[in-house]
Amino acid sequence: MPRKPRPPRKSTHKLTHFLCLPLLTSSSQPQWQSSMTQFAKSLETEPDASILTKAIRPLGTIHLTLGVMSLPSDDCIKAAINLLNSLPLPPPPAFTISLSGLHAMRQAKWTSSLYAVPKDDEEGRLYSFCDKLRERFTEEGSLVLETRPLRLHATVLNTLYAPKVAVKVGVRGSESGSDVEDERADREEVVGEGGLEQSKLEDGKAPVDAEKIGQEEETKSKARKKRKRWPLKFDARELIKKHENFEWVKEVRIEKVAICEMGAAKVEDEGRDGVKRLGLGEEYKEIASVPLP
């Protein structure tokens, strides 16, 4: 019986932008610099200190993500910007938040990223505003649909951006206890995975040393696979416990909603607009924003 043809896959576009609340402002920068310096110092006694200290996110990238976007054309970008500019702003008072603690995105015993959580006011104004924003942008097709509840967080450490570590094949899944989603995500981050090269045949016959060549190539392939490099996964439980009451920033105002391009870029001490950015390291390119009261 002939096999039925597979249905065509839905066409997908790569993620290009994201909607966010930038957290670094002229008033919050001194607090961020102080807390990040303290945090970096606390990592010096960790087993993987050399990698973890390089995984701390640059000041210029700190933000709260509301959702990710796939805007493949200029028209899509213009539509998203127009939507942002047309949205009604929340009434005063301003959103003033504090961020504290340290949390893992998935399992704390085997994680690659850590984040701080913003404290909302008693009325939950910040979450309410963000939920409405996400809903509107999703309805208009400018935001990728997300079925999970919004979880506002500011990533402060992510080993994806630090030097990778060599891990033996088969070790990660068996020892980590990580779920399928973790494994799939990590596989997508792997670069330069080698494969077994095939020997060429001439006139239908294998060359005299084909078997030897095949064995050598297989040995090389196995060695390459054993040297796969992955973002470091580490046990963050003690680190999280130690920073349970750690205060990153206190009573800082969220000044705007922004649409930014994916992929942070290194910045000089003086940014594109002439504003001094000493110590920011990297920042996301902002294509549009609206000020908040």
C-alpha atoms as a PDB file:
ATOM      1  CA  MET A   1       0.000   0.000   0.000  1.00  0.00           C
ATOM      2  CA  PRO A   2       1.554   3.320  -1.047  1.00  0.00           C
ATOM      3  CA  ARG A   3       2.477   5.636   1.797  1.00  0.00           C
ATOM      4  CA  LYS A   4       0.391   8.770   2.073  1.00  0.00           C
ATOM      5  CA  PRO A   5       2.322  11.970   1.376  1.00  0.00           C
ATOM      6  CA  ARG A   6       3.010  14.147   4.393  1.00  0.00           C
ATOM      7  CA  PRO A   7       1.035  17.384   4.597  1.00  0.00           C
ATOM      8  CA  PRO A   8       3.117  20.464   3.827  1.00  0.00           C
ATOM      9  CA  ARG A   9       4.604  22.232   6.799  1.00  0.00           C
ATOM     10  CA  LYS A  10       3.265  25.615   7.740  1.00  0.00           C
ATOM     11  CA  SER A  11       5.579  28.355   6.593  1.00  0.00           C
ATOM     12  CA  THR A  12       7.185  30.161   9.498  1.00  0.00           C
ATOM     13  CA  HIS A  13       9.268  33.297   9.705  1.00  0.00           C
ATOM     14  CA  LYS A  14      12.178  33.783  12.022  1.00  0.00           C
ATOM     15  CA  LEU A  15      11.740  35.965  15.078  1.00  0.00           C
ATOM     16  CA  THR A  16      12.949  39.489  14.357  1.00  0.00           C
ATOM     17  CA  HIS A  17      11.756  41.817  17.132  1.00  0.00           C
ATOM     18  CA  PHE A  18      10.255  41.882  20.608  1.00  0.00           C
ATOM     19  CA  LEU A  19       7.941  44.089  22.636  1.00  0.00           C
ATOM     20  CA  CYS A  20       9.383  45.105  25.986  1.00  0.00           C
ATOM     21  CA  LEU A  21       9.689  47.477  28.917  1.00  0.00           C
ATOM     22  CA  PRO A  22      13.319  48.673  29.068  1.00  0.00           C
ATOM     23  CA  LEU A  23      14.556  48.819  32.646  1.00  0.00           C
ATOM     24  CA  LEU A  24      17.765  50.771  32.288  1.00  0.00           C
ATOM     25  CA  THR A  25      17.266  54.507  32.686  1.00  0.00           C
ATOM     26  CA  SER A  26      19.472  57.380  33.764  1.00  0.00           C
ATOM     27  CA  SER A  27      18.017  57.126  37.264  1.00  0.00           C
ATOM     28  CA  SER A  28      18.178  53.320  37.561  1.00  0.00           C
ATOM     29  CA  GLN A  29      21.637  52.854  36.043  1.00  0.00           C
ATOM     30  CA  PRO A  30      23.623  53.508  39.256  1.00  0.00           C
ATOM     31  CA  GLN A  31      21.535  50.898  41.104  1.00  0.00           C
ATOM     32  CA  TRP A  32      21.981  48.350  38.306  1.00  0.00           C
ATOM     33  CA  GLN A  33      25.719  48.917  38.153  1.00  0.00           C
ATOM     34  CA  SER A  34      26.044  48.459  41.906  1.00  0.00           C
ATOM     35  CA  SER A  35      23.907  45.304  42.095  1.00  0.00           C
ATOM     36  CA  MET A  36      25.516  43.713  39.030  1.00  0.00           C
ATOM     37  CA  THR A  37      28.963  44.334  40.494  1.00  0.00           C
ATOM     38  CA  GLN A  38      27.918  42.657  43.756  1.00  0.00           C
ATOM     39  CA  PHE A  39      26.374  39.763  41.856  1.00  0.00           C
ATOM     40  CA  ALA A  40      29.510  39.242  39.769  1.00  0.00           C
ATOM     41  CA  LYS A  41      31.615  39.188  42.909  1.00  0.00           C
ATOM     42  CA  SER A  42      29.350  36.557  44.469  1.00  0.00           C
ATOM     43  CA  LEU A  43      29.958  34.279  41.471  1.00  0.00           C
ATOM     44  CA  GLU A  44      33.712  34.214  41.978  1.00  0.00           C
ATOM     45  CA  THR A  45      33.416  31.344  44.465  1.00  0.00           C
ATOM     46  CA  GLU A  46      31.175  29.222  42.226  1.00  0.00           C
ATOM     47  CA  PRO A  47      32.595  26.047  40.608  1.00  0.00           C
ATOM     48  CA  ASP A  48      32.067  27.443  37.096  1.00  0.00           C
ATOM     49  CA  ALA A  49      32.985  31.029  37.982  1.00  0.00           C
ATOM     50  CA  SER A  50      35.005  31.656  34.815  1.00  0.00           C
ATOM     51  CA  ILE A  51      31.944  30.926  32.664  1.00  0.00           C
ATOM     52  CA  LEU A  52      29.217  32.311  34.923  1.00  0.00           C
ATOM     53  CA  THR A  53      30.844  35.728  35.250  1.00  0.00           C
ATOM     54  CA  LYS A  54      30.915  35.963  31.442  1.00  0.00           C
ATOM     55  CA  ALA A  55      27.235  34.966  31.322  1.00  0.00           C
ATOM     56  CA  ILE A  56      26.050  38.063  33.191  1.00  0.00           C
ATOM     57  CA  ARG A  57      23.918  40.124  30.851  1.00  0.00           C
ATOM     58  CA  PRO A  58      25.189  43.601  29.895  1.00  0.00           C
ATOM     59  CA  LEU A  59      23.411  46.516  31.531  1.00  0.00           C
ATOM     60  CA  GLY A  60      22.085  47.833  28.243  1.00  0.00           C
ATOM     61  CA  THR A  61      20.093  44.636  27.619  1.00  0.00           C
ATOM     62  CA  ILE A  62      18.064  44.555  30.847  1.00  0.00           C
ATOM     63  CA  HIS A  63      14.325  44.609  30.135  1.00  0.00           C
ATOM     64  CA  LEU A  64      10.968  42.933  30.737  1.00  0.00           C
ATOM     65  CA  THR A  65       9.808  41.010  27.660  1.00  0.00           C
ATOM     66  CA  LEU A  66       6.110  41.166  26.794  1.00  0.00           C
ATOM     67  CA  GLY A  67       6.317  39.026  23.679  1.00  0.00           C
ATOM     68  CA  VAL A  68       8.305  38.192  20.559  1.00  0.00           C
ATOM     69  CA  MET A  69       7.579  39.281  17.009  1.00  0.00           C
ATOM     70  CA  SER A  70       8.048  37.980  13.491  1.00  0.00           C
ATOM     71  CA  LEU A  71       8.064  41.070  11.266  1.00  0.00           C
ATOM     72  CA  PRO A  72       9.519  39.894   7.942  1.00  0.00           C
ATOM     73  CA  SER A  73       8.722  43.006   5.885  1.00  0.00           C
ATOM     74  CA  ASP A  74       8.776  46.788   6.138  1.00  0.00           C
ATOM     75  CA  ASP A  75       4.974  46.809   6.027  1.00  0.00           C
ATOM     76  CA  CYS A  76       4.817  44.489   9.047  1.00  0.00           C
ATOM     77  CA  ILE A  77       7.258  46.692  10.927  1.00  0.00           C
ATOM     78  CA  LYS A  78       5.289  49.840  10.088  1.00  0.00           C
ATOM     79  CA  ALA A  79       2.043  48.194  11.209  1.00  0.00           C
ATOM     80  CA  ALA A  80       3.573  47.240  14.571  1.00  0.00           C
ATOM     81  CA  ILE A  81       4.949  50.767  15.070  1.00  0.00           C
ATOM     82  CA  ASN A  82       1.615  52.347  14.170  1.00  0.00           C
ATOM     83  CA  LEU A  83      -0.138  50.044  16.601  1.00  0.00           C
ATOM     84  CA  LEU A  84       2.270  51.000  19.377  1.00  0.00           C
ATOM     85  CA  ASN A  85       1.737  54.702  18.716  1.00  0.00           C
ATOM     86  CA  SER A  86      -2.059  54.315  18.702  1.00  0.00           C
ATOM     87  CA  LEU A  87      -2.408  52.525  22.032  1.00  0.00           C
ATOM     88  CA  PRO A  88      -3.983  54.413  24.947  1.00  0.00           C
ATOM     89  CA  LEU A  89      -1.516  55.027  27.748  1.00  0.00           C
ATOM     90  CA  PRO A  90      -2.310  54.034  31.319  1.00  0.00           C
ATOM     91  CA  PRO A  91      -3.364  56.838  33.670  1.00  0.00           C
ATOM     92  CA  PRO A  92      -1.023  58.068  36.426  1.00  0.00           C
ATOM     93  CA  PRO A  93       0.561  57.210  38.765  1.00  0.00           C
ATOM     94  CA  ALA A  94       3.715  55.993  37.030  1.00  0.00           C
ATOM     95  CA  PHE A  95       4.791  52.368  37.161  1.00  0.00           C
ATOM     96  CA  THR A  96       7.413  52.223  39.896  1.00  0.00           C
ATOM     97  CA  ILE A  97       8.870  48.805  40.582  1.00  0.00           C
ATOM     98  CA  SER A  98      11.539  46.996  42.517  1.00  0.00           C
ATOM     99  CA  LEU A  99      13.289  43.809  41.416  1.00  0.00           C
ATOM    100  CA  SER A 100      14.645  41.255  43.811  1.00  0.00           C
ATOM    101  CA  GLY A 101      15.644  37.630  44.205  1.00  0.00           C
ATOM    102  CA  LEU A 102      17.012  35.126  41.739  1.00  0.00           C
ATOM    103  CA  HIS A 103      14.992  32.492  39.884  1.00  0.00           C
ATOM    104  CA  ALA A 104      15.545  29.774  37.283  1.00  0.00           C
ATOM    105  CA  MET A 105      13.410  29.524  34.160  1.00  0.00           C
ATOM    106  CA  ARG A 106      13.017  25.768  34.496  1.00  0.00           C
ATOM    107  CA  GLN A 107      14.788  23.419  36.906  1.00  0.00           C
ATOM    108  CA  ALA A 108      17.111  25.205  39.294  1.00  0.00           C
ATOM    109  CA  LYS A 109      19.283  22.089  39.622  1.00  0.00           C
ATOM    110  CA  TRP A 110      20.086  22.130  35.891  1.00  0.00           C
ATOM    111  CA  THR A 111      19.650  25.558  34.351  1.00  0.00           C
ATOM    112  CA  SER A 112      21.368  27.935  31.968  1.00  0.00           C
ATOM    113  CA  SER A 113      19.634  31.207  32.854  1.00  0.00           C
ATOM    114  CA  LEU A 114      18.618  33.157  35.928  1.00  0.00           C
ATOM    115  CA  TYR A 115      16.327  36.141  36.271  1.00  0.00           C
ATOM    116  CA  ALA A 116      14.980  38.735  38.707  1.00  0.00           C
ATOM    117  CA  VAL A 117      11.275  39.276  39.329  1.00  0.00           C
ATOM    118  CA  PRO A 118       9.536  42.677  39.436  1.00  0.00           C
ATOM    119  CA  LYS A 119       7.258  43.389  42.374  1.00  0.00           C
ATOM    120  CA  ASP A 120       3.884  44.722  41.251  1.00  0.00           C
ATOM    121  CA  ASP A 121       1.686  46.997  43.380  1.00  0.00           C
ATOM    122  CA  GLU A 122      -1.314  45.697  45.345  1.00  0.00           C
ATOM    123  CA  GLU A 123      -3.700  46.409  42.462  1.00  0.00           C
ATOM    124  CA  GLY A 124      -1.548  44.502  40.000  1.00  0.00           C
ATOM    125  CA  ARG A 125      -1.441  47.485  37.632  1.00  0.00           C
ATOM    126  CA  LEU A 126       1.756  46.489  35.851  1.00  0.00           C
ATOM    127  CA  TYR A 127       0.617  42.959  34.992  1.00  0.00           C
ATOM    128  CA  SER A 128      -2.809  44.214  33.967  1.00  0.00           C
ATOM    129  CA  PHE A 129      -1.280  46.784  31.605  1.00  0.00           C
ATOM    130  CA  CYS A 130       1.168  44.266  30.137  1.00  0.00           C
ATOM    131  CA  ASP A 131      -1.520  41.622  29.614  1.00  0.00           C
ATOM    132  CA  LYS A 132      -3.642  44.136  27.697  1.00  0.00           C
ATOM    133  CA  LEU A 133      -0.687  45.151  25.556  1.00  0.00           C
ATOM    134  CA  ARG A 134       0.150  41.562  24.739  1.00  0.00           C
ATOM    135  CA  GLU A 135      -3.462  40.744  23.930  1.00  0.00           C
ATOM    136  CA  ARG A 136      -3.846  43.721  21.577  1.00  0.00           C
ATOM    137  CA  PHE A 137      -0.596  43.099  19.709  1.00  0.00           C
ATOM    138  CA  THR A 138      -1.465  39.417  19.353  1.00  0.00           C
ATOM    139  CA  GLU A 139      -4.943  40.209  18.017  1.00  0.00           C
ATOM    140  CA  GLU A 140      -3.416  42.499  15.384  1.00  0.00           C
ATOM    141  CA  GLY A 141      -0.931  39.825  14.338  1.00  0.00           C
ATOM    142  CA  SER A 142       2.148  41.778  15.423  1.00  0.00           C
ATOM    143  CA  LEU A 143       2.996  39.457  18.300  1.00  0.00           C
ATOM    144  CA  VAL A 144       3.604  35.713  18.098  1.00  0.00           C
ATOM    145  CA  LEU A 145       0.801  33.840  19.857  1.00  0.00           C
ATOM    146  CA  GLU A 146       1.776  32.704  23.344  1.00  0.00           C
ATOM    147  CA  THR A 147      -0.615  30.470  25.263  1.00  0.00           C
ATOM    148  CA  ARG A 148       1.291  30.486  28.532  1.00  0.00           C
ATOM    149  CA  PRO A 149       0.514  33.157  31.145  1.00  0.00           C
ATOM    150  CA  LEU A 150       2.734  36.209  31.071  1.00  0.00           C
ATOM    151  CA  ARG A 151       5.714  35.895  33.399  1.00  0.00           C
ATOM    152  CA  LEU A 152       7.512  39.198  33.700  1.00  0.00           C
ATOM    153  CA  HIS A 153      11.203  38.720  34.364  1.00  0.00           C
ATOM    154  CA  ALA A 154      14.528  40.427  33.804  1.00  0.00           C
ATOM    155  CA  THR A 155      17.261  38.016  32.727  1.00  0.00           C
ATOM    156  CA  VAL A 156      20.494  38.752  34.567  1.00  0.00           C
ATOM    157  CA  LEU A 157      22.507  35.679  33.588  1.00  0.00           C
ATOM    158  CA  ASN A 158      22.383  33.379  30.569  1.00  0.00           C
ATOM    159  CA  THR A 159      25.165  30.936  29.688  1.00  0.00           C
ATOM    160  CA  LEU A 160      24.007  30.924  26.059  1.00  0.00           C
ATOM    161  CA  TYR A 161      26.119  34.075  25.705  1.00  0.00           C
ATOM    162  CA  ALA A 162      29.157  32.655  27.520  1.00  0.00           C
ATOM    163  CA  PRO A 163      31.829  30.240  26.248  1.00  0.00           C
ATOM    164  CA  LYS A 164      30.346  26.794  25.578  1.00  0.00           C
ATOM    165  CA  VAL A 165      31.486  23.677  27.422  1.00  0.00           C
ATOM    166  CA  ALA A 166      32.314  20.242  26.001  1.00  0.00           C
ATOM    167  CA  VAL A 167      29.875  17.512  27.019  1.00  0.00           C
ATOM    168  CA  LYS A 168      29.950  13.816  26.171  1.00  0.00           C
ATOM    169  CA  VAL A 169      27.150  12.540  23.987  1.00  0.00           C
ATOM    170  CA  GLY A 170      24.332  11.013  25.997  1.00  0.00           C
ATOM    171  CA  VAL A 171      25.363  12.578  29.295  1.00  0.00           C
ATOM    172  CA  ARG A 172      23.065  15.577  29.244  1.00  0.00           C
ATOM    173  CA  GLY A 173      19.766  13.777  28.887  1.00  0.00           C
ATOM    174  CA  SER A 174      20.529  11.018  31.381  1.00  0.00           C
ATOM    175  CA  GLU A 175      22.094  13.074  34.135  1.00  0.00           C
ATOM    176  CA  SER A 176      20.321  16.364  33.871  1.00  0.00           C
ATOM    177  CA  GLY A 177      16.744  15.228  34.242  1.00  0.00           C
ATOM    178  CA  SER A 178      15.828  18.038  31.868  1.00  0.00           C
ATOM    179  CA  ASP A 179      12.648  17.743  29.868  1.00  0.00           C
ATOM    180  CA  VAL A 180      12.236  17.326  26.134  1.00  0.00           C
ATOM    181  CA  GLU A 181      11.810  21.059  25.614  1.00  0.00           C
ATOM    182  CA  ASP A 182      15.177  21.723  27.276  1.00  0.00           C
ATOM    183  CA  GLU A 183      16.909  19.174  25.076  1.00  0.00           C
ATOM    184  CA  ARG A 184      15.321  20.438  21.856  1.00  0.00           C
ATOM    185  CA  ALA A 185      16.204  24.040  22.661  1.00  0.00           C
ATOM    186  CA  ASP A 186      19.792  23.131  23.417  1.00  0.00           C
ATOM    187  CA  ARG A 187      20.164  21.114  20.214  1.00  0.00           C
ATOM    188  CA  GLU A 188      19.140  24.175  18.228  1.00  0.00           C
ATOM    189  CA  GLU A 189      21.908  26.155  19.905  1.00  0.00           C
ATOM    190  CA  VAL A 190      24.653  23.716  18.891  1.00  0.00           C
ATOM    191  CA  VAL A 191      26.888  24.892  16.076  1.00  0.00           C
ATOM    192  CA  GLY A 192      29.397  23.060  13.910  1.00  0.00           C
ATOM    193  CA  GLU A 193      28.221  19.517  14.586  1.00  0.00           C
ATOM    194  CA  GLY A 194      30.362  17.121  12.548  1.00  0.00           C
ATOM    195  CA  GLY A 195      29.141  14.117  10.602  1.00  0.00           C
ATOM    196  CA  LEU A 196      30.681  11.000   9.169  1.00  0.00           C
ATOM    197  CA  GLU A 197      32.162  11.689   5.762  1.00  0.00           C
ATOM    198  CA  GLN A 198      31.619   9.034   3.107  1.00  0.00           C
ATOM    199  CA  SER A 199      34.484   7.667   0.990  1.00  0.00           C
ATOM    200  CA  LYS A 200      34.154   8.087  -2.767  1.00  0.00           C
ATOM    201  CA  LEU A 201      33.832   5.005  -4.962  1.00  0.00           C
ATOM    202  CA  GLU A 202      35.544   4.708  -8.319  1.00  0.00           C
ATOM    203  CA  ASP A 203      34.031   2.524 -11.056  1.00  0.00           C
ATOM    204  CA  GLY A 204      31.793   0.898  -8.515  1.00  0.00           C
ATOM    205  CA  LYS A 205      34.739  -0.424  -6.519  1.00  0.00           C
ATOM    206  CA  ALA A 206      36.022   0.781  -3.209  1.00  0.00           C
ATOM    207  CA  PRO A 207      39.627   1.974  -3.080  1.00  0.00           C
ATOM    208  CA  VAL A 208      42.096  -0.360  -1.454  1.00  0.00           C
ATOM    209  CA  ASP A 209      42.245   1.621   1.808  1.00  0.00           C
ATOM    210  CA  ALA A 210      38.518   2.359   1.971  1.00  0.00           C
ATOM    211  CA  GLU A 211      38.043   0.324   5.130  1.00  0.00           C
ATOM    212  CA  LYS A 212      40.923   2.070   6.831  1.00  0.00           C
ATOM    213  CA  ILE A 213      39.660   5.475   5.705  1.00  0.00           C
ATOM    214  CA  GLY A 214      36.183   4.623   6.928  1.00  0.00           C
ATOM    215  CA  GLN A 215      37.497   3.596  10.345  1.00  0.00           C
ATOM    216  CA  GLU A 216      39.566   6.776  10.629  1.00  0.00           C
ATOM    217  CA  GLU A 217      36.632   8.951   9.650  1.00  0.00           C
ATOM    218  CA  GLU A 218      34.337   7.158  12.077  1.00  0.00           C
ATOM    219  CA  THR A 219      36.874   7.668  14.855  1.00  0.00           C
ATOM    220  CA  LYS A 220      37.125  11.359  13.996  1.00  0.00           C
ATOM    221  CA  SER A 221      33.337  11.635  13.875  1.00  0.00           C
ATOM    222  CA  LYS A 222      32.943  10.033  17.288  1.00  0.00           C
ATOM    223  CA  ALA A 223      35.586  12.359  18.689  1.00  0.00           C
ATOM    224  CA  ARG A 224      33.790  15.363  17.241  1.00  0.00           C
ATOM    225  CA  LYS A 225      30.489  14.238  18.710  1.00  0.00           C
ATOM    226  CA  LYS A 226      32.085  13.679  22.104  1.00  0.00           C
ATOM    227  CA  ARG A 227      33.391  17.223  21.918  1.00  0.00           C
ATOM    228  CA  LYS A 228      30.019  18.808  21.269  1.00  0.00           C
ATOM    229  CA  ARG A 229      29.876  22.185  22.901  1.00  0.00           C
ATOM    230  CA  TRP A 230      26.762  23.344  24.717  1.00  0.00           C
ATOM    231  CA  PRO A 231      25.771  26.285  26.887  1.00  0.00           C
ATOM    232  CA  LEU A 232      26.724  25.453  30.446  1.00  0.00           C
ATOM    233  CA  LYS A 233      23.993  23.883  32.563  1.00  0.00           C
ATOM    234  CA  PHE A 234      24.646  24.281  36.265  1.00  0.00           C
ATOM    235  CA  ASP A 235      23.074  23.666  39.653  1.00  0.00           C
ATOM    236  CA  ALA A 236      21.819  27.082  40.773  1.00  0.00           C
ATOM    237  CA  ARG A 237      19.963  26.028  43.920  1.00  0.00           C
ATOM    238  CA  GLU A 238      22.520  27.359  46.407  1.00  0.00           C
ATOM    239  CA  LEU A 239      23.045  30.509  44.347  1.00  0.00           C
ATOM    240  CA  ILE A 240      19.302  31.180  44.301  1.00  0.00           C
ATOM    241  CA  LYS A 241      19.039  30.558  48.028  1.00  0.00           C
ATOM    242  CA  LYS A 242      21.944  32.916  48.712  1.00  0.00           C
ATOM    243  CA  HIS A 243      20.250  35.682  46.679  1.00  0.00           C
ATOM    244  CA  GLU A 244      16.739  35.090  47.965  1.00  0.00           C
ATOM    245  CA  ASN A 245      16.471  38.639  49.316  1.00  0.00           C
ATOM    246  CA  PHE A 246      18.974  40.249  46.983  1.00  0.00           C
ATOM    247  CA  GLU A 247      17.750  43.647  45.768  1.00  0.00           C
ATOM    248  CA  TRP A 248      18.654  44.566  42.195  1.00  0.00           C
ATOM    249  CA  VAL A 249      16.879  47.920  42.011  1.00  0.00           C
ATOM    250  CA  LYS A 250      14.429  49.667  44.294  1.00  0.00           C
ATOM    251  CA  GLU A 251      11.523  51.929  43.323  1.00  0.00           C
ATOM    252  CA  VAL A 252      12.600  52.699  39.775  1.00  0.00           C
ATOM    253  CA  ARG A 253      10.190  54.094  37.220  1.00  0.00           C
ATOM    254  CA  ILE A 254       9.419  52.296  33.963  1.00  0.00           C
ATOM    255  CA  GLU A 255       9.673  55.080  31.415  1.00  0.00           C
ATOM    256  CA  LYS A 256       8.524  53.541  28.130  1.00  0.00           C
ATOM    257  CA  VAL A 257       7.230  50.645  26.042  1.00  0.00           C
ATOM    258  CA  ALA A 258       9.513  49.740  23.148  1.00  0.00           C
ATOM    259  CA  ILE A 259       9.849  47.534  20.094  1.00  0.00           C
ATOM    260  CA  CYS A 260      13.420  46.323  19.714  1.00  0.00           C
ATOM    261  CA  GLU A 261      15.310  44.266  17.185  1.00  0.00           C
ATOM    262  CA  MET A 262      16.455  40.792  18.174  1.00  0.00           C
ATOM    263  CA  GLY A 263      20.157  40.482  18.877  1.00  0.00           C
ATOM    264  CA  ALA A 264      22.019  42.866  21.135  1.00  0.00           C
ATOM    265  CA  ALA A 265      24.923  44.781  19.628  1.00  0.00           C
ATOM    266  CA  LYS A 266      28.068  46.015  21.323  1.00  0.00           C
ATOM    267  CA  VAL A 267      28.106  49.734  21.979  1.00  0.00           C
ATOM    268  CA  GLU A 268      30.893  52.208  22.470  1.00  0.00           C
ATOM    269  CA  ASP A 269      31.022  54.418  25.526  1.00  0.00           C
ATOM    270  CA  GLU A 270      29.112  56.926  23.440  1.00  0.00           C
ATOM    271  CA  GLY A 271      25.995  55.550  21.751  1.00  0.00           C
ATOM    272  CA  ARG A 272      24.472  56.151  18.331  1.00  0.00           C
ATOM    273  CA  ASP A 273      22.546  59.184  19.572  1.00  0.00           C
ATOM    274  CA  GLY A 274      25.511  60.772  21.311  1.00  0.00           C
ATOM    275  CA  VAL A 275      24.368  59.787  24.802  1.00  0.00           C
ATOM    276  CA  LYS A 276      27.097  58.489  27.080  1.00  0.00           C
ATOM    277  CA  ARG A 277      26.764  54.738  27.638  1.00  0.00           C
ATOM    278  CA  LEU A 278      29.785  54.012  29.794  1.00  0.00           C
ATOM    279  CA  GLY A 279      29.685  50.401  30.986  1.00  0.00           C
ATOM    280  CA  LEU A 280      26.533  49.329  29.102  1.00  0.00           C
ATOM    281  CA  GLY A 281      28.447  46.777  27.042  1.00  0.00           C
ATOM    282  CA  GLU A 282      25.596  45.895  24.686  1.00  0.00           C
ATOM    283  CA  GLU A 283      22.108  47.121  23.889  1.00  0.00           C
ATOM    284  CA  TYR A 284      19.174  46.264  21.660  1.00  0.00           C
ATOM    285  CA  LYS A 285      18.350  48.547  18.776  1.00  0.00           C
ATOM    286  CA  GLU A 286      15.090  50.291  19.531  1.00  0.00           C
ATOM    287  CA  ILE A 287      12.953  50.915  16.433  1.00  0.00           C
ATOM    288  CA  ALA A 288      10.030  52.577  18.218  1.00  0.00           C
ATOM    289  CA  SER A 289       8.864  53.519  21.695  1.00  0.00           C
ATOM    290  CA  VAL A 290       6.177  55.453  23.513  1.00  0.00           C
ATOM    291  CA  PRO A 291       6.791  57.202  26.851  1.00  0.00           C
ATOM    292  CA  LEU A 292       4.799  56.177  29.901  1.00  0.00           C
ATOM    293  CA  PRO A 293       3.401  58.736  32.336  1.00  0.00           C
END
